[in-house]
């Protein structure tokens, strides 16, 4: 259970940093980031595997770079689920840039948190 909570907080903080860096990527406060982190997690758990299977040939041809597009689609789906609760994205380009920044920020934070444990 503590790993789930740590991952949830890391994702929420990463969403807030991404919203600060990427124009068109908006998170409304800490509660909005926490709600958006739950929605992103749920979309990644249920929708992302289906998208990954369908897009496997394209991902293979692009040497994995198409995964950023899949992340952008997942984030867009999560933003459509929670438009009034925390996460709004103005289009596909902010979602794509947001997916790249979110991946980098989340990886860096996770690295530092795991090294402290």
PDB file of N, CA and C in Angstrom:
ATOM      1  N   UNK A   1       0.796  -1.205   0.000  1.00  0.00           N
ATOM      2  CA  UNK A   1       0.000   0.000   0.000  1.00  0.00           C
ATOM      3  C   UNK A   1       0.843   1.276   0.000  1.00  0.00           C
ATOM      4  N   UNK A   2       1.946   1.346   0.767  1.00  0.00           N
ATOM      5  CA  UNK A   2       2.743   2.575   0.727  1.00  0.00           C
ATOM      6  C   UNK A   2       3.318   2.872  -0.658  1.00  0.00           C
ATOM      7  N   UNK A   3       3.687   1.837  -1.434  1.00  0.00           N
ATOM      8  CA  UNK A   3       4.188   2.084  -2.785  1.00  0.00           C
ATOM      9  C   UNK A   3       3.134   2.724  -3.663  1.00  0.00           C
ATOM     10  N   UNK A   4       1.876   2.312  -3.494  1.00  0.00           N
ATOM     11  CA  UNK A   4       0.787   2.919  -4.243  1.00  0.00           C
ATOM     12  C   UNK A   4       0.661   4.397  -3.901  1.00  0.00           C
ATOM     13  N   UNK A   5       0.722   4.730  -2.630  1.00  0.00           N
ATOM     14  CA  UNK A   5       0.602   6.125  -2.206  1.00  0.00           C
ATOM     15  C   UNK A   5       1.776   6.967  -2.699  1.00  0.00           C
ATOM     16  N   UNK A   6       2.973   6.395  -2.653  1.00  0.00           N
ATOM     17  CA  UNK A   6       4.149   7.117  -3.145  1.00  0.00           C
ATOM     18  C   UNK A   6       4.027   7.370  -4.643  1.00  0.00           C
ATOM     19  N   UNK A   7       3.613   6.365  -5.380  1.00  0.00           N
ATOM     20  CA  UNK A   7       3.433   6.524  -6.826  1.00  0.00           C
ATOM     21  C   UNK A   7       2.354   7.548  -7.133  1.00  0.00           C
ATOM     22  N   UNK A   8       1.278   7.547  -6.366  1.00  0.00           N
ATOM     23  CA  UNK A   8       0.182   8.494  -6.555  1.00  0.00           C
ATOM     24  C   UNK A   8       0.665   9.924  -6.342  1.00  0.00           C
ATOM     25  N   UNK A   9       1.417  10.153  -5.283  1.00  0.00           N
ATOM     26  CA  UNK A   9       1.926  11.492  -4.990  1.00  0.00           C
ATOM     27  C   UNK A   9       2.960  11.914  -6.025  1.00  0.00           C
ATOM     28  N   UNK A  10       3.823  10.998  -6.437  1.00  0.00           N
ATOM     29  CA  UNK A  10       4.818  11.316  -7.467  1.00  0.00           C
ATOM     30  C   UNK A  10       4.133  11.716  -8.763  1.00  0.00           C
ATOM     31  N   UNK A  11       3.089  10.995  -9.138  1.00  0.00           N
ATOM     32  CA  UNK A  11       2.351  11.330 -10.364  1.00  0.00           C
ATOM     33  C   UNK A  11       1.674  12.685 -10.242  1.00  0.00           C
ATOM     34  N   UNK A  12       1.092  12.974  -9.083  1.00  0.00           N
ATOM     35  CA  UNK A  12       0.426  14.262  -8.875  1.00  0.00           C
ATOM     36  C   UNK A  12       1.431  15.413  -8.950  1.00  0.00           C
ATOM     37  N   UNK A  13       2.570  15.255  -8.301  1.00  0.00           N
ATOM     38  CA  UNK A  13       3.606  16.291  -8.347  1.00  0.00           C
ATOM     39  C   UNK A  13       4.128  16.447  -9.771  1.00  0.00           C
ATOM     40  N   UNK A  14       4.311  15.337 -10.464  1.00  0.00           N
ATOM     41  CA  UNK A  14       4.777  15.391 -11.852  1.00  0.00           C
ATOM     42  C   UNK A  14       3.767  16.109 -12.745  1.00  0.00           C
ATOM     43  N   UNK A  15       2.486  15.883 -12.514  1.00  0.00           N
ATOM     44  CA  UNK A  15       1.452  16.586 -13.277  1.00  0.00           C
ATOM     45  C   UNK A  15       1.497  18.086 -13.011  1.00  0.00           C
ATOM     46  N   UNK A  16       1.713  18.469 -11.763  1.00  0.00           N
ATOM     47  CA  UNK A  16       1.784  19.897 -11.441  1.00  0.00           C
ATOM     48  C   UNK A  16       3.007  20.560 -12.080  1.00  0.00           C
ATOM     49  N   UNK A  17       4.143  19.876 -12.063  1.00  0.00           N
ATOM     50  CA  UNK A  17       5.345  20.419 -12.705  1.00  0.00           C
ATOM     51  C   UNK A  17       5.145  20.501 -14.214  1.00  0.00           C
ATOM     52  N   UNK A  18       4.531  19.482 -14.794  1.00  0.00           N
ATOM     53  CA  UNK A  18       4.257  19.478 -16.231  1.00  0.00           C
ATOM     54  C   UNK A  18       3.331  20.625 -16.601  1.00  0.00           C
ATOM     55  N   UNK A  19       2.320  20.869 -15.780  1.00  0.00           N
ATOM     56  CA  UNK A  19       1.403  21.981 -16.052  1.00  0.00           C
ATOM     57  C   UNK A  19       2.121  23.325 -15.965  1.00  0.00           C
ATOM     58  N   UNK A  20       3.125  23.409 -15.128  1.00  0.00           N
ATOM     59  CA  UNK A  20       3.893  24.645 -15.009  1.00  0.00           C
ATOM     60  C   UNK A  20       4.791  24.862 -16.222  1.00  0.00           C
ATOM     61  N   UNK A  21       5.303  23.778 -16.805  1.00  0.00           N
ATOM     62  CA  UNK A  21       6.269  23.876 -17.898  1.00  0.00           C
ATOM     63  C   UNK A  21       5.602  23.937 -19.270  1.00  0.00           C
ATOM     64  N   UNK A  22       4.549  23.162 -19.490  1.00  0.00           N
ATOM     65  CA  UNK A  22       3.948  23.018 -20.818  1.00  0.00           C
ATOM     66  C   UNK A  22       2.734  23.932 -20.952  1.00  0.00           C
ATOM     67  N   UNK A  23       2.766  24.859 -21.913  1.00  0.00           N
ATOM     68  CA  UNK A  23       1.579  25.690 -22.143  1.00  0.00           C
ATOM     69  C   UNK A  23       0.449  24.848 -22.747  1.00  0.00           C
ATOM     70  N   UNK A  24      -0.760  25.085 -22.273  1.00  0.00           N
ATOM     71  CA  UNK A  24      -1.914  24.329 -22.747  1.00  0.00           C
ATOM     72  C   UNK A  24      -2.212  23.091 -21.923  1.00  0.00           C
ATOM     73  N   UNK A  25      -1.416  22.838 -20.911  1.00  0.00           N
ATOM     74  CA  UNK A  25      -1.574  21.698 -20.008  1.00  0.00           C
ATOM     75  C   UNK A  25      -1.884  22.295 -18.637  1.00  0.00           C
ATOM     76  N   UNK A  26      -3.122  22.113 -18.158  1.00  0.00           N
ATOM     77  CA  UNK A  26      -3.564  22.811 -16.951  1.00  0.00           C
ATOM     78  C   UNK A  26      -4.003  21.820 -15.871  1.00  0.00           C
ATOM     79  N   UNK A  27      -3.521  22.056 -14.652  1.00  0.00           N
ATOM     80  CA  UNK A  27      -3.955  21.304 -13.477  1.00  0.00           C
ATOM     81  C   UNK A  27      -4.409  22.319 -12.450  1.00  0.00           C
ATOM     82  N   UNK A  28      -5.612  22.109 -11.884  1.00  0.00           N
ATOM     83  CA  UNK A  28      -6.172  23.072 -10.951  1.00  0.00           C
ATOM     84  C   UNK A  28      -5.889  22.667  -9.511  1.00  0.00           C
ATOM     85  N   UNK A  29      -4.727  23.034  -9.019  1.00  0.00           N
ATOM     86  CA  UNK A  29      -4.411  22.843  -7.616  1.00  0.00           C
ATOM     87  C   UNK A  29      -3.984  21.435  -7.242  1.00  0.00           C
ATOM     88  N   UNK A  30      -3.720  21.282  -5.956  1.00  0.00           N
ATOM     89  CA  UNK A  30      -3.221  20.004  -5.446  1.00  0.00           C
ATOM     90  C   UNK A  30      -4.294  18.923  -5.537  1.00  0.00           C
ATOM     91  N   UNK A  31      -5.520  19.249  -5.137  1.00  0.00           N
ATOM     92  CA  UNK A  31      -6.595  18.245  -5.218  1.00  0.00           C
ATOM     93  C   UNK A  31      -6.866  17.846  -6.664  1.00  0.00           C
ATOM     94  N   UNK A  32      -6.810  18.808  -7.554  1.00  0.00           N
ATOM     95  CA  UNK A  32      -6.980  18.498  -8.971  1.00  0.00           C
ATOM     96  C   UNK A  32      -5.887  17.582  -9.479  1.00  0.00           C
ATOM     97  N   UNK A  33      -4.659  17.807  -9.016  1.00  0.00           N
ATOM     98  CA  UNK A  33      -3.548  16.948  -9.424  1.00  0.00           C
ATOM     99  C   UNK A  33      -3.714  15.541  -8.879  1.00  0.00           C
ATOM    100  N   UNK A  34      -4.192  15.432  -7.642  1.00  0.00           N
ATOM    101  CA  UNK A  34      -4.402  14.099  -7.064  1.00  0.00           C
ATOM    102  C   UNK A  34      -5.514  13.341  -7.790  1.00  0.00           C
ATOM    103  N   UNK A  35      -6.602  14.038  -8.115  1.00  0.00           N
ATOM    104  CA  UNK A  35      -7.698  13.405  -8.864  1.00  0.00           C
ATOM    105  C   UNK A  35      -7.226  13.032 -10.271  1.00  0.00           C
ATOM    106  N   UNK A  36      -6.487  13.933 -10.910  1.00  0.00           N
ATOM    107  CA  UNK A  36      -5.977  13.650 -12.250  1.00  0.00           C
ATOM    108  C   UNK A  36      -5.002  12.481 -12.235  1.00  0.00           C
ATOM    109  N   UNK A  37      -4.200  12.371 -11.173  1.00  0.00           N
ATOM    110  CA  UNK A  37      -3.264  11.244 -11.069  1.00  0.00           C
ATOM    111  C   UNK A  37      -4.013   9.921 -10.984  1.00  0.00           C
ATOM    112  N   UNK A  38      -5.126   9.903 -10.264  1.00  0.00           N
ATOM    113  CA  UNK A  38      -5.944   8.689 -10.192  1.00  0.00           C
ATOM    114  C   UNK A  38      -6.508   8.352 -11.568  1.00  0.00           C
ATOM    115  N   UNK A  39      -7.018   9.366 -12.269  1.00  0.00           N
ATOM    116  CA  UNK A  39      -7.606   9.123 -13.587  1.00  0.00           C
ATOM    117  C   UNK A  39      -6.552   8.663 -14.595  1.00  0.00           C
ATOM    118  N   UNK A  40      -5.376   9.278 -14.558  1.00  0.00           N
ATOM    119  CA  UNK A  40      -4.304   8.852 -15.455  1.00  0.00           C
ATOM    120  C   UNK A  40      -3.917   7.403 -15.148  1.00  0.00           C
ATOM    121  N   UNK A  41      -3.849   7.071 -13.876  1.00  0.00           N
ATOM    122  CA  UNK A  41      -3.538   5.696 -13.490  1.00  0.00           C
ATOM    123  C   UNK A  41      -4.587   4.707 -13.964  1.00  0.00           C
ATOM    124  N   UNK A  42      -5.859   5.069 -13.825  1.00  0.00           N
ATOM    125  CA  UNK A  42      -6.934   4.180 -14.278  1.00  0.00           C
ATOM    126  C   UNK A  42      -6.934   4.012 -15.797  1.00  0.00           C
ATOM    127  N   UNK A  43      -6.715   5.115 -16.515  1.00  0.00           N
ATOM    128  CA  UNK A  43      -6.650   5.020 -17.973  1.00  0.00           C
ATOM    129  C   UNK A  43      -5.451   4.171 -18.385  1.00  0.00           C
ATOM    130  N   UNK A  44      -4.322   4.365 -17.718  1.00  0.00           N
ATOM    131  CA  UNK A  44      -3.138   3.555 -18.035  1.00  0.00           C
ATOM    132  C   UNK A  44      -3.354   2.087 -17.703  1.00  0.00           C
ATOM    133  N   UNK A  45      -4.174   1.798 -16.713  1.00  0.00           N
ATOM    134  CA  UNK A  45      -4.419   0.407 -16.327  1.00  0.00           C
ATOM    135  C   UNK A  45      -5.394  -0.295 -17.263  1.00  0.00           C
ATOM    136  N   UNK A  46      -6.390   0.421 -17.765  1.00  0.00           N
ATOM    137  CA  UNK A  46      -7.447  -0.237 -18.540  1.00  0.00           C
ATOM    138  C   UNK A  46      -7.389   0.032 -20.040  1.00  0.00           C
ATOM    139  N   UNK A  47      -7.099   1.254 -20.446  1.00  0.00           N
ATOM    140  CA  UNK A  47      -7.135   1.606 -21.867  1.00  0.00           C
ATOM    141  C   UNK A  47      -5.774   1.432 -22.524  1.00  0.00           C
ATOM    142  N   UNK A  48      -4.726   1.788 -21.824  1.00  0.00           N
ATOM    143  CA  UNK A  48      -3.376   1.760 -22.387  1.00  0.00           C
ATOM    144  C   UNK A  48      -2.950   0.382 -22.899  1.00  0.00           C
ATOM    145  N   UNK A  49      -3.244  -0.716 -22.204  1.00  0.00           N
ATOM    146  CA  UNK A  49      -2.852  -2.021 -22.766  1.00  0.00           C
ATOM    147  C   UNK A  49      -3.506  -2.320 -24.114  1.00  0.00           C
ATOM    148  N   UNK A  50      -4.745  -1.910 -24.263  1.00  0.00           N
ATOM    149  CA  UNK A  50      -5.441  -2.125 -25.540  1.00  0.00           C
ATOM    150  C   UNK A  50      -4.789  -1.296 -26.639  1.00  0.00           C
ATOM    151  N   UNK A  51      -4.499  -0.022 -26.329  1.00  0.00           N
ATOM    152  CA  UNK A  51      -3.826   0.833 -27.306  1.00  0.00           C
ATOM    153  C   UNK A  51      -2.443   0.288 -27.646  1.00  0.00           C
ATOM    154  N   UNK A  52      -1.741  -0.220 -26.638  1.00  0.00           N
ATOM    155  CA  UNK A  52      -0.406  -0.768 -26.865  1.00  0.00           C
ATOM    156  C   UNK A  52      -0.413  -1.960 -27.795  1.00  0.00           C
ATOM    157  N   UNK A  53      -1.404  -2.831 -27.641  1.00  0.00           N
ATOM    158  CA  UNK A  53      -1.503  -4.001 -28.516  1.00  0.00           C
ATOM    159  C   UNK A  53      -1.841  -3.575 -29.942  1.00  0.00           C
ATOM    160  N   UNK A  54      -2.785  -2.648 -30.079  1.00  0.00           N
ATOM    161  CA  UNK A  54      -3.174  -2.206 -31.414  1.00  0.00           C
ATOM    162  C   UNK A  54      -2.059  -1.445 -32.126  1.00  0.00           C
ATOM    163  N   UNK A  55      -1.261  -0.714 -31.368  1.00  0.00           N
ATOM    164  CA  UNK A  55      -0.219   0.117 -31.975  1.00  0.00           C
ATOM    165  C   UNK A  55       1.156  -0.533 -31.953  1.00  0.00           C
ATOM    166  N   UNK A  56       1.234  -1.795 -31.606  1.00  0.00           N
ATOM    167  CA  UNK A  56       2.539  -2.459 -31.506  1.00  0.00           C
ATOM    168  C   UNK A  56       3.367  -2.368 -32.789  1.00  0.00           C
ATOM    169  N   UNK A  57       2.786  -2.605 -33.972  1.00  0.00           N
ATOM    170  CA  UNK A  57       3.621  -2.511 -35.186  1.00  0.00           C
ATOM    171  C   UNK A  57       4.202  -1.113 -35.401  1.00  0.00           C
ATOM    172  N   UNK A  58       3.417  -0.088 -35.139  1.00  0.00           N
ATOM    173  CA  UNK A  58       3.916   1.282 -35.307  1.00  0.00           C
ATOM    174  C   UNK A  58       4.993   1.579 -34.267  1.00  0.00           C
ATOM    175  N   UNK A  59       4.777   1.124 -33.032  1.00  0.00           N
ATOM    176  CA  UNK A  59       5.770   1.330 -31.978  1.00  0.00           C
ATOM    177  C   UNK A  59       7.069   0.626 -32.327  1.00  0.00           C
ATOM    178  N   UNK A  60       6.973  -0.546 -32.892  1.00  0.00           N
ATOM    179  CA  UNK A  60       8.163  -1.291 -33.300  1.00  0.00           C
ATOM    180  C   UNK A  60       8.907  -0.568 -34.417  1.00  0.00           C
ATOM    181  N   UNK A  61       8.180  -0.051 -35.387  1.00  0.00           N
ATOM    182  CA  UNK A  61       8.806   0.659 -36.509  1.00  0.00           C
ATOM    183  C   UNK A  61       9.463   1.972 -36.074  1.00  0.00           C
ATOM    184  N   UNK A  62       8.922   2.612 -35.044  1.00  0.00           N
ATOM    185  CA  UNK A  62       9.477   3.894 -34.593  1.00  0.00           C
ATOM    186  C   UNK A  62      10.446   3.716 -33.433  1.00  0.00           C
ATOM    187  N   UNK A  63      10.844   2.479 -33.182  1.00  0.00           N
ATOM    188  CA  UNK A  63      11.792   2.167 -32.111  1.00  0.00           C
ATOM    189  C   UNK A  63      11.302   2.654 -30.744  1.00  0.00           C
ATOM    190  N   UNK A  64      10.002   2.571 -30.520  1.00  0.00           N
ATOM    191  CA  UNK A  64       9.418   2.897 -29.227  1.00  0.00           C
ATOM    192  C   UNK A  64       8.990   4.336 -29.060  1.00  0.00           C
ATOM    193  N   UNK A  65       9.296   5.199 -30.010  1.00  0.00           N
ATOM    194  CA  UNK A  65       8.927   6.607 -29.866  1.00  0.00           C
ATOM    195  C   UNK A  65       7.424   6.833 -29.955  1.00  0.00           C
ATOM    196  N   UNK A  66       6.722   5.899 -30.578  1.00  0.00           N
ATOM    197  CA  UNK A  66       5.261   6.026 -30.658  1.00  0.00           C
ATOM    198  C   UNK A  66       4.621   5.880 -29.283  1.00  0.00           C
ATOM    199  N   UNK A  67       5.366   5.394 -28.311  1.00  0.00           N
ATOM    200  CA  UNK A  67       4.851   5.287 -26.941  1.00  0.00           C
ATOM    201  C   UNK A  67       4.494   6.660 -26.387  1.00  0.00           C
ATOM    202  N   UNK A  68       5.214   7.697 -26.808  1.00  0.00           N
ATOM    203  CA  UNK A  68       4.863   9.053 -26.374  1.00  0.00           C
ATOM    204  C   UNK A  68       3.505   9.468 -26.918  1.00  0.00           C
ATOM    205  N   UNK A  69       3.187   9.041 -28.134  1.00  0.00           N
ATOM    206  CA  UNK A  69       1.868   9.331 -28.706  1.00  0.00           C
ATOM    207  C   UNK A  69       0.797   8.574 -27.928  1.00  0.00           C
ATOM    208  N   UNK A  70       1.074   7.325 -27.569  1.00  0.00           N
ATOM    209  CA  UNK A  70       0.124   6.562 -26.763  1.00  0.00           C
ATOM    210  C   UNK A  70      -0.072   7.210 -25.394  1.00  0.00           C
ATOM    211  N   UNK A  71       1.014   7.714 -24.798  1.00  0.00           N
ATOM    212  CA  UNK A  71       0.886   8.440 -23.529  1.00  0.00           C
ATOM    213  C   UNK A  71       0.044   9.691 -23.701  1.00  0.00           C
ATOM    214  N   UNK A  72       0.240  10.394 -24.798  1.00  0.00           N
ATOM    215  CA  UNK A  72      -0.546  11.603 -25.054  1.00  0.00           C
ATOM    216  C   UNK A  72      -2.032  11.269 -25.199  1.00  0.00           C
ATOM    217  N   UNK A  73      -2.328  10.189 -25.886  1.00  0.00           N
ATOM    218  CA  UNK A  73      -3.730   9.773 -26.036  1.00  0.00           C
ATOM    219  C   UNK A  73      -4.308   9.395 -24.674  1.00  0.00           C
ATOM    220  N   UNK A  74      -3.531   8.696 -23.870  1.00  0.00           N
ATOM    221  CA  UNK A  74      -3.997   8.324 -22.530  1.00  0.00           C
ATOM    222  C   UNK A  74      -4.256   9.556 -21.674  1.00  0.00           C
ATOM    223  N   UNK A  75      -3.367  10.522 -21.734  1.00  0.00           N
ATOM    224  CA  UNK A  75      -3.552  11.754 -20.963  1.00  0.00           C
ATOM    225  C   UNK A  75      -4.757  12.531 -21.476  1.00  0.00           C
ATOM    226  N   UNK A  76      -4.951  12.560 -22.779  1.00  0.00           N
ATOM    227  CA  UNK A  76      -6.141  13.231 -23.331  1.00  0.00           C
ATOM    228  C   UNK A  76      -7.426  12.567 -22.865  1.00  0.00           C
ATOM    229  N   UNK A  77      -7.441  11.245 -22.833  1.00  0.00           N
ATOM    230  CA  UNK A  77      -8.626  10.525 -22.351  1.00  0.00           C
ATOM    231  C   UNK A  77      -8.879  10.859 -20.892  1.00  0.00           C
ATOM    232  N   UNK A  78      -7.821  10.878 -20.084  1.00  0.00           N
ATOM    233  CA  UNK A  78      -7.966  11.224 -18.672  1.00  0.00           C
ATOM    234  C   UNK A  78      -8.459  12.653 -18.496  1.00  0.00           C
ATOM    235  N   UNK A  79      -8.009  13.563 -19.354  1.00  0.00           N
ATOM    236  CA  UNK A  79      -8.464  14.949 -19.246  1.00  0.00           C
ATOM    237  C   UNK A  79      -9.927  15.089 -19.648  1.00  0.00           C
ATOM    238  N   UNK A  80     -10.388  14.259 -20.566  1.00  0.00           N
ATOM    239  CA  UNK A  80     -11.803  14.298 -20.958  1.00  0.00           C
ATOM    240  C   UNK A  80     -12.701  13.745 -19.854  1.00  0.00           C
ATOM    241  N   UNK A  81     -12.157  12.839 -19.043  1.00  0.00           N
ATOM    242  CA  UNK A  81     -12.920  12.291 -17.924  1.00  0.00           C
ATOM    243  C   UNK A  81     -13.017  13.311 -16.794  1.00  0.00           C
ATOM    244  N   UNK A  82     -11.965  14.099 -16.578  1.00  0.00           N
ATOM    245  CA  UNK A  82     -11.915  15.029 -15.442  1.00  0.00           C
ATOM    246  C   UNK A  82     -11.756  16.484 -15.866  1.00  0.00           C
ATOM    247  N   UNK A  83     -12.618  17.017 -16.728  1.00  0.00           N
ATOM    248  CA  UNK A  83     -12.385  18.398 -17.159  1.00  0.00           C
ATOM    249  C   UNK A  83     -12.648  19.432 -16.058  1.00  0.00           C
ATOM    250  N   UNK A  84     -13.573  19.170 -15.172  1.00  0.00           N
ATOM    251  CA  UNK A  84     -13.908  20.143 -14.140  1.00  0.00           C
ATOM    252  C   UNK A  84     -13.259  19.827 -12.807  1.00  0.00           C
ATOM    253  N   UNK A  85     -12.563  18.715 -12.724  1.00  0.00           N
ATOM    254  CA  UNK A  85     -11.999  18.288 -11.449  1.00  0.00           C
ATOM    255  C   UNK A  85     -10.502  18.469 -11.348  1.00  0.00           C
ATOM    256  N   UNK A  86      -9.821  18.754 -12.421  1.00  0.00           N
ATOM    257  CA  UNK A  86      -8.404  18.928 -12.229  1.00  0.00           C
ATOM    258  C   UNK A  86      -7.539  19.049 -13.458  1.00  0.00           C
ATOM    259  N   UNK A  87      -7.810  18.304 -14.514  1.00  0.00           N
ATOM    260  CA  UNK A  87      -6.894  18.258 -15.646  1.00  0.00           C
ATOM    261  C   UNK A  87      -7.607  18.689 -16.916  1.00  0.00           C
ATOM    262  N   UNK A  88      -7.065  19.720 -17.559  1.00  0.00           N
ATOM    263  CA  UNK A  88      -7.560  20.138 -18.871  1.00  0.00           C
ATOM    264  C   UNK A  88      -6.363  20.319 -19.798  1.00  0.00           C
ATOM    265  N   UNK A  89      -6.540  19.875 -21.018  1.00  0.00           N
ATOM    266  CA  UNK A  89      -5.488  19.973 -22.026  1.00  0.00           C
ATOM    267  C   UNK A  89      -6.100  20.602 -23.267  1.00  0.00           C
ATOM    268  N   UNK A  90      -5.394  21.569 -23.839  1.00  0.00           N
ATOM    269  CA  UNK A  90      -5.938  22.360 -24.935  1.00  0.00           C
ATOM    270  C   UNK A  90      -5.856  21.700 -26.303  1.00  0.00           C
ATOM    271  N   UNK A  91      -5.181  20.595 -26.441  1.00  0.00           N
ATOM    272  CA  UNK A  91      -5.082  19.933 -27.739  1.00  0.00           C
ATOM    273  C   UNK A  91      -4.081  18.801 -27.712  1.00  0.00           C
ATOM    274  N   UNK A  92      -3.813  18.254 -28.907  1.00  0.00           N
ATOM    275  CA  UNK A  92      -2.924  17.100 -28.974  1.00  0.00           C
ATOM    276  C   UNK A  92      -1.464  17.480 -28.759  1.00  0.00           C
ATOM    277  N   UNK A  93      -1.035  18.617 -29.292  1.00  0.00           N
ATOM    278  CA  UNK A  93       0.371  19.020 -29.140  1.00  0.00           C
ATOM    279  C   UNK A  93       0.714  19.257 -27.672  1.00  0.00           C
ATOM    280  N   UNK A  94      -0.101  19.997 -26.891  1.00  0.00           N
ATOM    281  CA  UNK A  94       0.208  20.089 -25.460  1.00  0.00           C
ATOM    282  C   UNK A  94       0.184  18.727 -24.762  1.00  0.00           C
ATOM    283  N   UNK A  95      -0.687  17.832 -25.204  1.00  0.00           N
ATOM    284  CA  UNK A  95      -0.720  16.491 -24.615  1.00  0.00           C
ATOM    285  C   UNK A  95       0.549  15.721 -24.954  1.00  0.00           C
ATOM    286  N   UNK A  96       1.036  15.859 -26.177  1.00  0.00           N
ATOM    287  CA  UNK A  96       2.266  15.173 -26.577  1.00  0.00           C
ATOM    288  C   UNK A  96       3.475  15.733 -25.828  1.00  0.00           C
ATOM    289  N   UNK A  97       3.593  17.060 -25.783  1.00  0.00           N
ATOM    290  CA  UNK A  97       4.686  17.666 -25.024  1.00  0.00           C
ATOM    291  C   UNK A  97       4.549  17.334 -23.539  1.00  0.00           C
ATOM    292  N   UNK A  98       3.317  17.333 -23.048  1.00  0.00           N
ATOM    293  CA  UNK A  98       3.073  16.985 -21.654  1.00  0.00           C
ATOM    294  C   UNK A  98       3.448  15.551 -21.345  1.00  0.00           C
ATOM    295  N   UNK A  99       3.202  14.639 -22.279  1.00  0.00           N
ATOM    296  CA  UNK A  99       3.561  13.239 -22.035  1.00  0.00           C
ATOM    297  C   UNK A  99       5.072  13.071 -21.958  1.00  0.00           C
ATOM    298  N   UNK A 100       5.799  13.814 -22.776  1.00  0.00           N
ATOM    299  CA  UNK A 100       7.264  13.738 -22.738  1.00  0.00           C
ATOM    300  C   UNK A 100       7.790  14.320 -21.429  1.00  0.00           C
ATOM    301  N   UNK A 101       7.306  15.505 -21.073  1.00  0.00           N
ATOM    302  CA  UNK A 101       7.754  16.148 -19.832  1.00  0.00           C
ATOM    303  C   UNK A 101       7.328  15.321 -18.623  1.00  0.00           C
ATOM    304  N   UNK A 102       6.100  14.812 -18.643  1.00  0.00           N
ATOM    305  CA  UNK A 102       5.604  14.004 -17.524  1.00  0.00           C
ATOM    306  C   UNK A 102       6.442  12.746 -17.332  1.00  0.00           C
ATOM    307  N   UNK A 103       6.826  12.116 -18.410  1.00  0.00           N
ATOM    308  CA  UNK A 103       7.670  10.927 -18.318  1.00  0.00           C
ATOM    309  C   UNK A 103       9.030  11.257 -17.716  1.00  0.00           C
ATOM    310  N   UNK A 104       9.634  12.331 -18.175  1.00  0.00           N
ATOM    311  CA  UNK A 104      10.956  12.720 -17.674  1.00  0.00           C
ATOM    312  C   UNK A 104      10.885  13.118 -16.202  1.00  0.00           C
ATOM    313  N   UNK A 105       9.923  13.979 -15.870  1.00  0.00           N
ATOM    314  CA  UNK A 105       9.807  14.461 -14.485  1.00  0.00           C
ATOM    315  C   UNK A 105       9.484  13.312 -13.540  1.00  0.00           C
ATOM    316  N   UNK A 106       8.560  12.473 -13.922  1.00  0.00           N
ATOM    317  CA  UNK A 106       8.183  11.343 -13.078  1.00  0.00           C
ATOM    318  C   UNK A 106       9.362  10.386 -12.880  1.00  0.00           C
ATOM    319  N   UNK A 107      10.131  10.148 -13.924  1.00  0.00           N
ATOM    320  CA  UNK A 107      11.296   9.268 -13.809  1.00  0.00           C
ATOM    321  C   UNK A 107      12.356   9.849 -12.877  1.00  0.00           C
ATOM    322  N   UNK A 108      12.597  11.144 -12.987  1.00  0.00           N
ATOM    323  CA  UNK A 108      13.600  11.788 -12.137  1.00  0.00           C
ATOM    324  C   UNK A 108      13.159  11.763 -10.677  1.00  0.00           C
ATOM    325  N   UNK A 109      11.911  12.114 -10.418  1.00  0.00           N
ATOM    326  CA  UNK A 109      11.415  12.107  -9.046  1.00  0.00           C
ATOM    327  C   UNK A 109      11.430  10.696  -8.472  1.00  0.00           C
ATOM    328  N   UNK A 110      11.002   9.733  -9.259  1.00  0.00           N
ATOM    329  CA  UNK A 110      11.008   8.342  -8.803  1.00  0.00           C
ATOM    330  C   UNK A 110      12.423   7.868  -8.483  1.00  0.00           C
ATOM    331  N   UNK A 111      13.372   8.254  -9.310  1.00  0.00           N
ATOM    332  CA  UNK A 111      14.766   7.886  -9.065  1.00  0.00           C
ATOM    333  C   UNK A 111      15.238   8.413  -7.709  1.00  0.00           C
ATOM    334  N   UNK A 112      14.963   9.694  -7.449  1.00  0.00           N
ATOM    335  CA  UNK A 112      15.413  10.276  -6.176  1.00  0.00           C
ATOM    336  C   UNK A 112      14.680   9.713  -4.984  1.00  0.00           C
ATOM    337  N   UNK A 113      13.396   9.437  -5.128  1.00  0.00           N
ATOM    338  CA  UNK A 113      12.630   8.876  -4.016  1.00  0.00           C
ATOM    339  C   UNK A 113      13.093   7.446  -3.724  1.00  0.00           C
ATOM    340  N   UNK A 114      13.326   6.657  -4.752  1.00  0.00           N
ATOM    341  CA  UNK A 114      13.758   5.283  -4.565  1.00  0.00           C
ATOM    342  C   UNK A 114      15.183   5.208  -3.988  1.00  0.00           C
ATOM    343  N   UNK A 115      16.025   6.195  -4.331  1.00  0.00           N
ATOM    344  CA  UNK A 115      17.385   6.172  -3.807  1.00  0.00           C
ATOM    345  C   UNK A 115      17.440   6.555  -2.333  1.00  0.00           C
ATOM    346  N   UNK A 116      16.421   7.266  -1.853  1.00  0.00           N
ATOM    347  CA  UNK A 116      16.353   7.641  -0.441  1.00  0.00           C
ATOM    348  C   UNK A 116      15.906   6.450   0.416  1.00  0.00           C
ATOM    349  N   UNK A 117      15.052   5.603  -0.142  1.00  0.00           N
ATOM    350  CA  UNK A 117      14.515   4.466   0.624  1.00  0.00           C
ATOM    351  C   UNK A 117      15.549   3.481   1.010  1.00  0.00           C
TER     352      UNK A 117
END
